[in-house]
Amino acid sequence: MTTPLGTAEVHELVLPAMANHHGTLFAGQGLQLMAKAAFLAARSLAQREVVMAGVSGIQFAQPIPVGHSLALLAWVSRVGRSSMTVCVKGLTEAPGLPREEVLKGIFEMVAIDGQGRPIAIDRADINQETSS
């Protein structure tokens, strides 16, 4: 099964080393995981390297205890000349419990060239891939 361009799904197990003093996922670790999912979704759509330009709307709705798994779903919601908006949501999973949305955020990503400068995203590649 192939993942559509502009999407990514990352699964992580919340381990003690990722936890705060309450035994739940440390917010900084959660933000790092969301940034990784956003990067993967943006890079798959742009078909080139990307960097993060900004982040907004981060919400931590529920604590995620050690031992729970976290599924991060990311998708590109807007494509500009060289920039993209990537939405990320996180769902917690544990045996015997229903999946629950626990975090979300919006990331602005920019496609870059070999010198780290913004470069246009080739829309022909995107349109060809999404129409197949």
Protein backbone atom coordinates (compact mmCIF):
# COMPACT_ATOMS: atom_id res chain seq x y z
CA MET A 1 0.00 0.00 0.00
CA THR A 2 1.39 3.41 -0.93
CA THR A 3 0.83 6.56 1.06
CA PRO A 4 -0.63 9.42 -1.02
CA LEU A 5 1.67 12.36 -1.72
CA GLY A 6 1.42 15.03 0.94
CA THR A 7 0.45 12.66 3.73
CA ALA A 8 2.35 10.83 6.45
CA GLU A 9 1.52 8.57 9.33
CA VAL A 10 3.99 8.11 12.19
CA HIS A 11 3.51 5.75 15.14
CA GLU A 12 5.38 6.13 18.42
CA LEU A 13 5.24 4.38 21.77
CA VAL A 14 5.41 6.79 24.72
CA LEU A 15 8.38 5.58 26.75
CA PRO A 16 9.52 6.77 30.19
CA ALA A 17 12.40 8.76 28.63
CA MET A 18 9.78 10.84 26.75
CA ALA A 19 7.72 11.60 29.85
CA ASN A 20 7.47 14.54 32.20
CA HIS A 21 7.33 14.31 35.99
CA HIS A 22 3.62 13.38 35.74
CA GLY A 23 4.35 10.21 33.76
CA THR A 24 2.82 11.58 30.55
CA LEU A 25 4.32 12.66 27.24
CA PHE A 26 6.42 15.82 27.70
CA ALA A 27 4.99 18.59 25.50
CA GLY A 28 8.38 19.26 23.89
CA GLN A 29 8.58 15.61 22.82
CA GLY A 30 5.04 15.80 21.44
CA LEU A 31 5.94 18.90 19.43
CA GLN A 32 9.06 17.17 18.08
CA LEU A 33 6.99 14.17 16.95
CA MET A 34 4.43 16.42 15.27
CA ALA A 35 7.23 18.31 13.49
CA LYS A 36 8.62 15.02 12.18
CA ALA A 37 5.22 14.02 10.76
CA ALA A 38 4.79 17.47 9.17
CA PHE A 39 8.26 17.23 7.62
CA LEU A 40 7.53 13.81 6.12
CA ALA A 41 4.19 14.92 4.63
CA ALA A 42 5.66 18.13 3.16
CA ARG A 43 8.73 16.41 1.72
CA SER A 44 6.60 13.72 0.09
CA LEU A 45 4.48 16.34 -1.65
CA ALA A 46 7.33 18.68 -2.66
CA GLN A 47 9.58 15.79 -3.73
CA ARG A 48 12.55 17.75 -2.34
CA GLU A 49 13.98 18.84 0.98
CA VAL A 50 11.89 21.09 3.22
CA VAL A 51 12.35 23.14 6.37
CA MET A 52 9.93 24.40 8.97
CA ALA A 53 9.09 28.11 8.74
CA GLY A 54 6.50 28.31 11.49
CA VAL A 55 4.10 26.51 13.73
CA SER A 56 0.75 27.60 15.13
CA GLY A 57 -2.41 26.33 16.70
CA ILE A 58 -0.68 23.69 18.82
CA GLN A 59 -3.16 22.09 21.17
CA PHE A 60 -2.53 19.38 23.74
CA ALA A 61 -6.08 18.23 24.51
CA GLN A 62 -5.31 15.26 26.76
CA PRO A 63 -2.25 13.86 28.54
CA ILE A 64 -0.70 10.77 26.95
CA PRO A 65 0.48 8.29 29.59
CA VAL A 66 3.65 6.24 29.33
CA GLY A 67 2.84 2.95 27.61
CA HIS A 68 0.25 4.41 25.24
CA SER A 69 0.97 4.60 21.55
CA LEU A 70 0.56 7.77 19.53
CA ALA A 71 -0.51 7.79 15.88
CA LEU A 72 0.37 11.07 14.16
CA LEU A 73 -1.50 11.81 10.94
CA ALA A 74 -0.20 14.64 8.76
CA TRP A 75 -1.51 16.06 5.50
CA VAL A 76 -0.71 19.06 3.30
CA SER A 77 -3.73 21.35 3.26
CA ARG A 78 -2.31 24.24 1.19
CA VAL A 79 0.42 24.55 -1.43
CA GLY A 80 1.92 27.92 -2.34
CA ARG A 81 4.85 28.71 -4.63
CA SER A 82 7.46 27.23 -2.28
CA SER A 83 5.50 26.89 0.96
CA MET A 84 2.98 24.41 2.29
CA THR A 85 0.64 24.29 5.24
CA VAL A 86 0.64 20.90 6.96
CA CYS A 87 -2.02 19.86 9.48
CA VAL A 88 -1.07 17.26 12.09
CA LYS A 89 -3.29 15.45 14.55
CA GLY A 90 -2.36 12.86 17.11
CA LEU A 91 -4.49 9.97 18.30
CA THR A 92 -3.67 7.95 21.37
CA GLU A 93 -4.13 4.22 21.41
CA ALA A 94 -4.03 1.72 24.26
CA PRO A 95 -5.40 -1.80 24.62
CA GLY A 96 -9.06 -1.77 25.64
CA LEU A 97 -9.47 1.98 25.15
CA PRO A 98 -10.99 3.83 22.18
CA ARG A 99 -8.75 5.96 19.94
CA GLU A 100 -8.84 9.55 21.11
CA GLU A 101 -7.56 12.78 19.52
CA VAL A 102 -5.05 14.20 21.97
CA LEU A 103 -3.04 16.80 20.10
CA LYS A 104 -2.98 18.84 16.90
CA GLY A 105 -1.10 21.63 15.20
CA ILE A 106 -0.46 23.52 11.99
CA PHE A 107 3.00 23.72 10.44
CA GLU A 108 4.29 25.99 7.68
CA MET A 109 6.95 24.22 5.63
CA VAL A 110 9.11 25.55 2.78
CA ALA A 111 10.73 23.60 -0.07
CA ILE A 112 14.44 24.43 -0.39
CA ASP A 113 17.25 23.93 -2.90
CA GLY A 114 20.76 22.61 -2.19
CA GLN A 115 21.83 25.97 -0.76
CA GLY A 116 18.89 26.15 1.62
CA ARG A 117 17.00 28.81 -0.37
CA PRO A 118 13.25 28.57 -1.07
CA ILE A 119 12.48 26.92 -4.41
CA ALA A 120 9.21 26.55 -6.30
CA ILE A 121 7.28 23.33 -5.85
CA ASP A 122 6.72 21.59 -9.18
CA ARG A 123 2.93 21.50 -9.42
CA ALA A 124 3.06 19.32 -12.56
CA ASP A 125 4.47 16.45 -10.46
CA ILE A 126 1.74 16.96 -7.85
CA ASN A 127 -1.09 17.08 -10.36
CA GLN A 128 0.23 14.04 -12.24
CA GLU A 129 0.53 11.98 -9.06
CA THR A 130 -2.89 12.91 -7.68
CA SER A 131 -4.68 12.20 -10.96
CA SER A 132 -3.24 8.66 -11.31
